Amino acid sequence: MIGDTDSLIEEFLDGAPRAETWSKLHEALALRLEAARREGDAPQIEQLEQQVAALAQEEAITRFVEDSVRVTLVRPRGGEFDFDDEF
């Protein structure tokens, strides 16, 4: 099922990077931002801050999509459960 889930996620993302990839890119750029701050490179700091924020947003969106696909695959379909009228 995991292989099927991963292939469905890949298909749904249509070639876009997975959340784990966005996370690694985000971490790498955050390290560059820290270095720019130590060096006091103001123009680069501003640009890197924007890029780090954009990568964090991409990671969050992609993780949401991946989680949504996983939940959809395990969620019971209509009619799989019989609910009593009494609780």
PDB file of N, CA and C in Angstrom:
ATOM      1  N   MET A   1       0.824  -1.206   0.000  1.00  0.00           N
ATOM      2  CA  MET A   1       0.000   0.000   0.000  1.00  0.00           C
ATOM      3  C   MET A   1       0.861   1.262   0.000  1.00  0.00           C
ATOM      4  N   ILE A   2       2.023   1.214   0.689  1.00  0.00           N
ATOM      5  CA  ILE A   2       2.872   2.396   0.750  1.00  0.00           C
ATOM      6  C   ILE A   2       3.364   2.771  -0.629  1.00  0.00           C
ATOM      7  N   GLY A   3       3.806   1.797  -1.405  1.00  0.00           N
ATOM      8  CA  GLY A   3       4.249   2.075  -2.767  1.00  0.00           C
ATOM      9  C   GLY A   3       3.133   2.681  -3.596  1.00  0.00           C
ATOM     10  N   ASP A   4       1.920   2.142  -3.420  1.00  0.00           N
ATOM     11  CA  ASP A   4       0.769   2.696  -4.127  1.00  0.00           C
ATOM     12  C   ASP A   4       0.497   4.128  -3.685  1.00  0.00           C
ATOM     13  N   THR A   5       0.597   4.373  -2.395  1.00  0.00           N
ATOM     14  CA  THR A   5       0.366   5.709  -1.863  1.00  0.00           C
ATOM     15  C   THR A   5       1.384   6.694  -2.432  1.00  0.00           C
ATOM     16  N   ASP A   6       2.651   6.299  -2.410  1.00  0.00           N
ATOM     17  CA  ASP A   6       3.694   7.180  -2.940  1.00  0.00           C
ATOM     18  C   ASP A   6       3.490   7.471  -4.419  1.00  0.00           C
ATOM     19  N   SER A   7       3.118   6.465  -5.187  1.00  0.00           N
ATOM     20  CA  SER A   7       2.908   6.703  -6.618  1.00  0.00           C
ATOM     21  C   SER A   7       1.705   7.604  -6.856  1.00  0.00           C
ATOM     22  N   LEU A   8       0.672   7.465  -6.043  1.00  0.00           N
ATOM     23  CA  LEU A   8      -0.495   8.352  -6.169  1.00  0.00           C
ATOM     24  C   LEU A   8      -0.143   9.787  -5.794  1.00  0.00           C
ATOM     25  N   ILE A   9       0.671   9.940  -4.750  1.00  0.00           N
ATOM     26  CA  ILE A   9       1.103  11.280  -4.348  1.00  0.00           C
ATOM     27  C   ILE A   9       1.935  11.902  -5.467  1.00  0.00           C
ATOM     28  N   GLU A  10       2.874  11.125  -6.017  1.00  0.00           N
ATOM     29  CA  GLU A  10       3.711  11.620  -7.116  1.00  0.00           C
ATOM     30  C   GLU A  10       2.844  12.041  -8.299  1.00  0.00           C
ATOM     31  N   GLU A  11       1.860  11.221  -8.603  1.00  0.00           N
ATOM     32  CA  GLU A  11       0.963  11.541  -9.720  1.00  0.00           C
ATOM     33  C   GLU A  11       0.179  12.822  -9.424  1.00  0.00           C
ATOM     34  N   PHE A  12      -0.312  12.952  -8.216  1.00  0.00           N
ATOM     35  CA  PHE A  12      -1.103  14.120  -7.849  1.00  0.00           C
ATOM     36  C   PHE A  12      -0.261  15.387  -7.876  1.00  0.00           C
ATOM     37  N   LEU A  13       1.016  15.286  -7.454  1.00  0.00           N
ATOM     38  CA  LEU A  13       1.905  16.455  -7.443  1.00  0.00           C
ATOM     39  C   LEU A  13       2.373  16.825  -8.850  1.00  0.00           C
ATOM     40  N   ASP A  14       2.194  15.928  -9.782  1.00  0.00           N
ATOM     41  CA  ASP A  14       2.487  16.190 -11.199  1.00  0.00           C
ATOM     42  C   ASP A  14       3.899  16.730 -11.423  1.00  0.00           C
ATOM     43  N   GLY A  15       4.871  16.030 -10.836  1.00  0.00           N
ATOM     44  CA  GLY A  15       6.269  16.405 -11.056  1.00  0.00           C
ATOM     45  C   GLY A  15       6.825  17.434 -10.085  1.00  0.00           C
ATOM     46  N   ALA A  16       5.992  18.022  -9.262  1.00  0.00           N
ATOM     47  CA  ALA A  16       6.475  18.989  -8.261  1.00  0.00           C
ATOM     48  C   ALA A  16       7.222  18.224  -7.163  1.00  0.00           C
ATOM     49  N   PRO A  17       8.169  18.877  -6.515  1.00  0.00           N
ATOM     50  CA  PRO A  17       8.930  18.205  -5.448  1.00  0.00           C
ATOM     51  C   PRO A  17       8.033  17.775  -4.284  1.00  0.00           C
ATOM     52  N   ARG A  18       8.462  16.720  -3.597  1.00  0.00           N
ATOM     53  CA  ARG A  18       7.774  16.243  -2.404  1.00  0.00           C
ATOM     54  C   ARG A  18       8.104  17.169  -1.231  1.00  0.00           C
ATOM     55  N   ALA A  19       7.327  17.079  -0.168  1.00  0.00           N
ATOM     56  CA  ALA A  19       7.522  17.930   1.019  1.00  0.00           C
ATOM     57  C   ALA A  19       8.919  17.739   1.610  1.00  0.00           C
ATOM     58  N   GLU A  20       9.419  16.521   1.608  1.00  0.00           N
ATOM     59  CA  GLU A  20      10.755  16.261   2.153  1.00  0.00           C
ATOM     60  C   GLU A  20      11.821  17.024   1.367  1.00  0.00           C
ATOM     61  N   THR A  21      11.659  17.097   0.061  1.00  0.00           N
ATOM     62  CA  THR A  21      12.608  17.846  -0.764  1.00  0.00           C
ATOM     63  C   THR A  21      12.532  19.330  -0.451  1.00  0.00           C
ATOM     64  N   TRP A  22      11.301  19.872  -0.348  1.00  0.00           N
ATOM     65  CA  TRP A  22      11.139  21.284   0.014  1.00  0.00           C
ATOM     66  C   TRP A  22      11.794  21.549   1.367  1.00  0.00           C
ATOM     67  N   SER A  23      11.644  20.609   2.304  1.00  0.00           N
ATOM     68  CA  SER A  23      12.221  20.767   3.635  1.00  0.00           C
ATOM     69  C   SER A  23      13.744  20.858   3.573  1.00  0.00           C
ATOM     70  N   LYS A  24      14.363  19.987   2.778  1.00  0.00           N
ATOM     71  CA  LYS A  24      15.825  20.018   2.649  1.00  0.00           C
ATOM     72  C   LYS A  24      16.294  21.316   1.998  1.00  0.00           C
ATOM     73  N   LEU A  25      15.580  21.776   0.981  1.00  0.00           N
ATOM     74  CA  LEU A  25      15.926  23.047   0.347  1.00  0.00           C
ATOM     75  C   LEU A  25      15.780  24.201   1.330  1.00  0.00           C
ATOM     76  N   HIS A  26      14.711  24.163   2.118  1.00  0.00           N
ATOM     77  CA  HIS A  26      14.447  25.184   3.132  1.00  0.00           C
ATOM     78  C   HIS A  26      15.579  25.221   4.158  1.00  0.00           C
ATOM     79  N   GLU A  27      15.998  24.045   4.635  1.00  0.00           N
ATOM     80  CA  GLU A  27      17.079  23.975   5.617  1.00  0.00           C
ATOM     81  C   GLU A  27      18.390  24.523   5.049  1.00  0.00           C
ATOM     82  N   ALA A  28      18.690  24.144   3.808  1.00  0.00           N
ATOM     83  CA  ALA A  28      19.939  24.606   3.185  1.00  0.00           C
ATOM     84  C   ALA A  28      19.953  26.123   3.022  1.00  0.00           C
ATOM     85  N   LEU A  29      18.819  26.668   2.583  1.00  0.00           N
ATOM     86  CA  LEU A  29      18.753  28.112   2.388  1.00  0.00           C
ATOM     87  C   LEU A  29      18.767  28.851   3.725  1.00  0.00           C
ATOM     88  N   ALA A  30      18.186  28.249   4.752  1.00  0.00           N
ATOM     89  CA  ALA A  30      18.215  28.852   6.083  1.00  0.00           C
ATOM     90  C   ALA A  30      19.652  28.948   6.595  1.00  0.00           C
ATOM     91  N   LEU A  31      20.467  27.951   6.275  1.00  0.00           N
ATOM     92  CA  LEU A  31      21.882  28.007   6.659  1.00  0.00           C
ATOM     93  C   LEU A  31      22.599  29.133   5.925  1.00  0.00           C
ATOM     94  N   ARG A  32      22.287  29.311   4.656  1.00  0.00           N
ATOM     95  CA  ARG A  32      22.880  30.423   3.899  1.00  0.00           C
ATOM     96  C   ARG A  32      22.442  31.761   4.487  1.00  0.00           C
ATOM     97  N   LEU A  33      21.183  31.834   4.927  1.00  0.00           N
ATOM     98  CA  LEU A  33      20.679  33.060   5.545  1.00  0.00           C
ATOM     99  C   LEU A  33      21.441  33.365   6.836  1.00  0.00           C
ATOM    100  N   GLU A  34      21.674  32.346   7.638  1.00  0.00           N
ATOM    101  CA  GLU A  34      22.441  32.542   8.869  1.00  0.00           C
ATOM    102  C   GLU A  34      23.837  33.078   8.561  1.00  0.00           C
ATOM    103  N   ALA A  35      24.471  32.527   7.530  1.00  0.00           N
ATOM    104  CA  ALA A  35      25.813  32.986   7.146  1.00  0.00           C
ATOM    105  C   ALA A  35      25.775  34.433   6.679  1.00  0.00           C
ATOM    106  N   ALA A  36      24.759  34.792   5.901  1.00  0.00           N
ATOM    107  CA  ALA A  36      24.623  36.170   5.421  1.00  0.00           C
ATOM    108  C   ALA A  36      24.415  37.124   6.595  1.00  0.00           C
ATOM    109  N   ARG A  37      23.678  36.693   7.604  1.00  0.00           N
ATOM    110  CA  ARG A  37      23.468  37.533   8.794  1.00  0.00           C
ATOM    111  C   ARG A  37      24.774  37.738   9.553  1.00  0.00           C
ATOM    112  N   ARG A  38      25.571  36.675   9.655  1.00  0.00           N
ATOM    113  CA  ARG A  38      26.872  36.803  10.339  1.00  0.00           C
ATOM    114  C   ARG A  38      27.784  37.769   9.598  1.00  0.00           C
ATOM    115  N   GLU A  39      27.681  37.752   8.261  1.00  0.00           N
ATOM    116  CA  GLU A  39      28.525  38.627   7.443  1.00  0.00           C
ATOM    117  C   GLU A  39      27.957  40.038   7.332  1.00  0.00           C
ATOM    118  N   GLY A  40      26.698  40.225   7.741  1.00  0.00           N
ATOM    119  CA  GLY A  40      26.074  41.539   7.673  1.00  0.00           C
ATOM    120  C   GLY A  40      25.720  41.981   6.266  1.00  0.00           C
ATOM    121  N   ASP A  41      25.452  41.045   5.388  1.00  0.00           N
ATOM    122  CA  ASP A  41      25.129  41.330   3.987  1.00  0.00           C
ATOM    123  C   ASP A  41      23.627  41.635   3.858  1.00  0.00           C
ATOM    124  N   ALA A  42      23.251  42.890   4.139  1.00  0.00           N
ATOM    125  CA  ALA A  42      21.846  43.292   4.203  1.00  0.00           C
ATOM    126  C   ALA A  42      21.045  42.975   2.937  1.00  0.00           C
ATOM    127  N   PRO A  43      21.519  43.320   1.740  1.00  0.00           N
ATOM    128  CA  PRO A  43      20.729  43.009   0.548  1.00  0.00           C
ATOM    129  C   PRO A  43      20.488  41.506   0.379  1.00  0.00           C
ATOM    130  N   GLN A  44      21.512  40.708   0.654  1.00  0.00           N
ATOM    131  CA  GLN A  44      21.348  39.267   0.515  1.00  0.00           C
ATOM    132  C   GLN A  44      20.433  38.722   1.605  1.00  0.00           C
ATOM    133  N   ILE A  45      20.500  39.292   2.789  1.00  0.00           N
ATOM    134  CA  ILE A  45      19.643  38.848   3.898  1.00  0.00           C
ATOM    135  C   ILE A  45      18.176  39.001   3.515  1.00  0.00           C
ATOM    136  N   GLU A  46      17.822  40.161   2.985  1.00  0.00           N
ATOM    137  CA  GLU A  46      16.425  40.410   2.607  1.00  0.00           C
ATOM    138  C   GLU A  46      15.962  39.409   1.547  1.00  0.00           C
ATOM    139  N   GLN A  47      16.793  39.190   0.545  1.00  0.00           N
ATOM    140  CA  GLN A  47      16.430  38.263  -0.523  1.00  0.00           C
ATOM    141  C   GLN A  47      16.297  36.832   0.006  1.00  0.00           C
ATOM    142  N   LEU A  48      17.250  36.427   0.837  1.00  0.00           N
ATOM    143  CA  LEU A  48      17.210  35.077   1.394  1.00  0.00           C
ATOM    144  C   LEU A  48      16.013  34.880   2.323  1.00  0.00           C
ATOM    145  N   GLU A  49      15.660  35.907   3.096  1.00  0.00           N
ATOM    146  CA  GLU A  49      14.485  35.806   3.969  1.00  0.00           C
ATOM    147  C   GLU A  49      13.228  35.530   3.154  1.00  0.00           C
ATOM    148  N   GLN A  50      13.088  36.215   2.035  1.00  0.00           N
ATOM    149  CA  GLN A  50      11.928  35.998   1.164  1.00  0.00           C
ATOM    150  C   GLN A  50      11.939  34.590   0.588  1.00  0.00           C
ATOM    151  N   GLN A  51      13.112  34.133   0.177  1.00  0.00           N
ATOM    152  CA  GLN A  51      13.220  32.796  -0.401  1.00  0.00           C
ATOM    153  C   GLN A  51      12.965  31.708   0.643  1.00  0.00           C
ATOM    154  N   VAL A  52      13.470  31.903   1.845  1.00  0.00           N
ATOM    155  CA  VAL A  52      13.244  30.942   2.928  1.00  0.00           C
ATOM    156  C   VAL A  52      11.749  30.864   3.241  1.00  0.00           C
ATOM    157  N   ALA A  53      11.084  32.000   3.294  1.00  0.00           N
ATOM    158  CA  ALA A  53       9.645  32.021   3.554  1.00  0.00           C
ATOM    159  C   ALA A  53       8.873  31.307   2.441  1.00  0.00           C
ATOM    160  N   ALA A  54       9.284  31.526   1.200  1.00  0.00           N
ATOM    161  CA  ALA A  54       8.613  30.881   0.068  1.00  0.00           C
ATOM    162  C   ALA A  54       8.795  29.365   0.125  1.00  0.00           C
ATOM    163  N   LEU A  55       9.992  28.917   0.460  1.00  0.00           N
ATOM    164  CA  LEU A  55      10.234  27.473   0.564  1.00  0.00           C
ATOM    165  C   LEU A  55       9.445  26.862   1.710  1.00  0.00           C
ATOM    166  N   ALA A  56       9.349  27.566   2.824  1.00  0.00           N
ATOM    167  CA  ALA A  56       8.561  27.079   3.956  1.00  0.00           C
ATOM    168  C   ALA A  56       7.096  26.941   3.560  1.00  0.00           C
ATOM    169  N   GLN A  57       6.606  27.893   2.793  1.00  0.00           N
ATOM    170  CA  GLN A  57       5.221  27.846   2.339  1.00  0.00           C
ATOM    171  C   GLN A  57       5.005  26.673   1.373  1.00  0.00           C
ATOM    172  N   GLU A  58       5.916  26.473   0.444  1.00  0.00           N
ATOM    173  CA  GLU A  58       5.812  25.346  -0.483  1.00  0.00           C
ATOM    174  C   GLU A  58       5.829  24.018   0.258  1.00  0.00           C
ATOM    175  N   GLU A  59       6.698  23.928   1.253  1.00  0.00           N
ATOM    176  CA  GLU A  59       6.769  22.704   2.053  1.00  0.00           C
ATOM    177  C   GLU A  59       5.446  22.445   2.767  1.00  0.00           C
ATOM    178  N   ALA A  60       4.884  23.474   3.377  1.00  0.00           N
ATOM    179  CA  ALA A  60       3.624  23.319   4.112  1.00  0.00           C
ATOM    180  C   ALA A  60       2.479  22.917   3.183  1.00  0.00           C
ATOM    181  N   ILE A  61       2.402  23.552   2.040  1.00  0.00           N
ATOM    182  CA  ILE A  61       1.333  23.238   1.089  1.00  0.00           C
ATOM    183  C   ILE A  61       1.475  21.805   0.588  1.00  0.00           C
ATOM    184  N   THR A  62       2.703  21.428   0.233  1.00  0.00           N
ATOM    185  CA  THR A  62       2.924  20.085  -0.297  1.00  0.00           C
ATOM    186  C   THR A  62       2.670  19.030   0.771  1.00  0.00           C
ATOM    187  N   ARG A  63       3.085  19.308   2.000  1.00  0.00           N
ATOM    188  CA  ARG A  63       2.820  18.360   3.092  1.00  0.00           C
ATOM    189  C   ARG A  63       1.311  18.202   3.304  1.00  0.00           C
ATOM    190  N   PHE A  64       0.567  19.296   3.200  1.00  0.00           N
ATOM    191  CA  PHE A  64      -0.882  19.230   3.322  1.00  0.00           C
ATOM    192  C   PHE A  64      -1.475  18.355   2.213  1.00  0.00           C
ATOM    193  N   VAL A  65      -1.002  18.546   0.988  1.00  0.00           N
ATOM    194  CA  VAL A  65      -1.493  17.745  -0.140  1.00  0.00           C
ATOM    195  C   VAL A  65      -1.169  16.266   0.081  1.00  0.00           C
ATOM    196  N   GLU A  66       0.067  15.979   0.464  1.00  0.00           N
ATOM    197  CA  GLU A  66       0.462  14.591   0.701  1.00  0.00           C
ATOM    198  C   GLU A  66      -0.391  13.963   1.804  1.00  0.00           C
ATOM    199  N   ASP A  67      -0.579  14.680   2.894  1.00  0.00           N
ATOM    200  CA  ASP A  67      -1.394  14.168   4.001  1.00  0.00           C
ATOM    201  C   ASP A  67      -2.841  13.971   3.566  1.00  0.00           C
ATOM    202  N   SER A  68      -3.347  14.876   2.748  1.00  0.00           N
ATOM    203  CA  SER A  68      -4.723  14.754   2.254  1.00  0.00           C
ATOM    204  C   SER A  68      -4.895  13.505   1.404  1.00  0.00           C
ATOM    205  N   VAL A  69      -3.912  13.219   0.562  1.00  0.00           N
ATOM    206  CA  VAL A  69      -3.973  12.004  -0.259  1.00  0.00           C
ATOM    207  C   VAL A  69      -3.963  10.778   0.647  1.00  0.00           C
ATOM    208  N   ARG A  70      -3.084  10.760   1.639  1.00  0.00           N
ATOM    209  CA  ARG A  70      -3.008   9.615   2.562  1.00  0.00           C
ATOM    210  C   ARG A  70      -4.329   9.410   3.302  1.00  0.00           C
ATOM    211  N   VAL A  71      -4.900  10.490   3.799  1.00  0.00           N
ATOM    212  CA  VAL A  71      -6.158  10.399   4.549  1.00  0.00           C
ATOM    213  C   VAL A  71      -7.275   9.911   3.640  1.00  0.00           C
ATOM    214  N   THR A  72      -7.307  10.404   2.425  1.00  0.00           N
ATOM    215  CA  THR A  72      -8.336   9.989   1.483  1.00  0.00           C
ATOM    216  C   THR A  72      -8.247   8.494   1.196  1.00  0.00           C
ATOM    217  N   LEU A  73      -7.036   7.974   1.145  1.00  0.00           N
ATOM    218  CA  LEU A  73      -6.858   6.549   0.857  1.00  0.00           C
ATOM    219  C   LEU A  73      -7.297   5.654   2.007  1.00  0.00           C
ATOM    220  N   VAL A  74      -7.197   6.116   3.234  1.00  0.00           N
ATOM    221  CA  VAL A  74      -7.572   5.276   4.375  1.00  0.00           C
ATOM    222  C   VAL A  74      -8.959   5.589   4.923  1.00  0.00           C
ATOM    223  N   ARG A  75      -9.542   6.674   4.475  1.00  0.00           N
ATOM    224  CA  ARG A  75     -10.868   7.073   4.963  1.00  0.00           C
ATOM    225  C   ARG A  75     -11.909   6.069   4.468  1.00  0.00           C
ATOM    226  N   PRO A  76     -12.815   5.659   5.350  1.00  0.00           N
ATOM    227  CA  PRO A  76     -13.864   4.732   4.922  1.00  0.00           C
ATOM    228  C   PRO A  76     -14.776   5.382   3.883  1.00  0.00           C
ATOM    229  N   ARG A  77     -15.179   4.593   2.943  1.00  0.00           N
ATOM    230  CA  ARG A  77     -16.109   5.057   1.914  1.00  0.00           C
ATOM    231  C   ARG A  77     -17.533   4.953   2.445  1.00  0.00           C
ATOM    232  N   GLY A  78     -18.441   5.677   1.846  1.00  0.00           N
ATOM    233  CA  GLY A  78     -19.845   5.616   2.245  1.00  0.00           C
ATOM    234  C   GLY A  78     -20.360   4.192   2.156  1.00  0.00           C
ATOM    235  N   GLY A  79     -21.120   3.773   3.140  1.00  0.00           N
ATOM    236  CA  GLY A  79     -21.707   2.446   3.128  1.00  0.00           C
ATOM    237  C   GLY A  79     -20.835   1.372   3.748  1.00  0.00           C
ATOM    238  N   GLU A  80     -19.610   1.704   4.128  1.00  0.00           N
ATOM    239  CA  GLU A  80     -18.736   0.707   4.735  1.00  0.00           C
ATOM    240  C   GLU A  80     -19.090   0.466   6.200  1.00  0.00           C
ATOM    241  N   PHE A  81     -19.762   1.434   6.800  1.00  0.00           N
ATOM    242  CA  PHE A  81     -20.159   1.297   8.194  1.00  0.00           C
ATOM    243  C   PHE A  81     -21.670   1.414   8.295  1.00  0.00           C
ATOM    244  N   ASP A  82     -22.232   0.636   9.207  1.00  0.00           N
ATOM    245  CA  ASP A  82     -23.642   0.766   9.513  1.00  0.00           C
ATOM    246  C   ASP A  82     -23.746   1.484  10.844  1.00  0.00           C
ATOM    247  N   PHE A  83     -24.415   2.613  10.827  1.00  0.00           N
ATOM    248  CA  PHE A  83     -24.564   3.388  12.039  1.00  0.00           C
ATOM    249  C   PHE A  83     -25.970   3.179  12.587  1.00  0.00           C
ATOM    250  N   ASP A  84     -26.053   2.956  13.874  1.00  0.00           N
ATOM    251  CA  ASP A  84     -27.353   2.854  14.523  1.00  0.00           C
ATOM    252  C   ASP A  84     -27.926   4.233  14.716  1.00  0.00           C
ATOM    253  N   ASP A  85     -29.241   4.311  14.726  1.00  0.00           N
ATOM    254  CA  ASP A  85     -29.897   5.588  14.989  1.00  0.00           C
ATOM    255  C   ASP A  85     -29.766   5.975  16.450  1.00  0.00           C
ATOM    256  N   GLU A  86     -29.504   5.013  17.311  1.00  0.00           N
ATOM    257  CA  GLU A  86     -29.372   5.297  18.731  1.00  0.00           C
ATOM    258  C   GLU A  86     -27.900   5.433  19.084  1.00  0.00           C
ATOM    259  N   PHE A  87     -27.617   6.356  19.950  1.00  0.00           N
ATOM    260  CA  PHE A  87     -26.231   6.570  20.365  1.00  0.00           C
ATOM    261  C   PHE A  87     -26.033   6.092  21.754  1.00  0.00           C
TER     262      PHE A  87
END
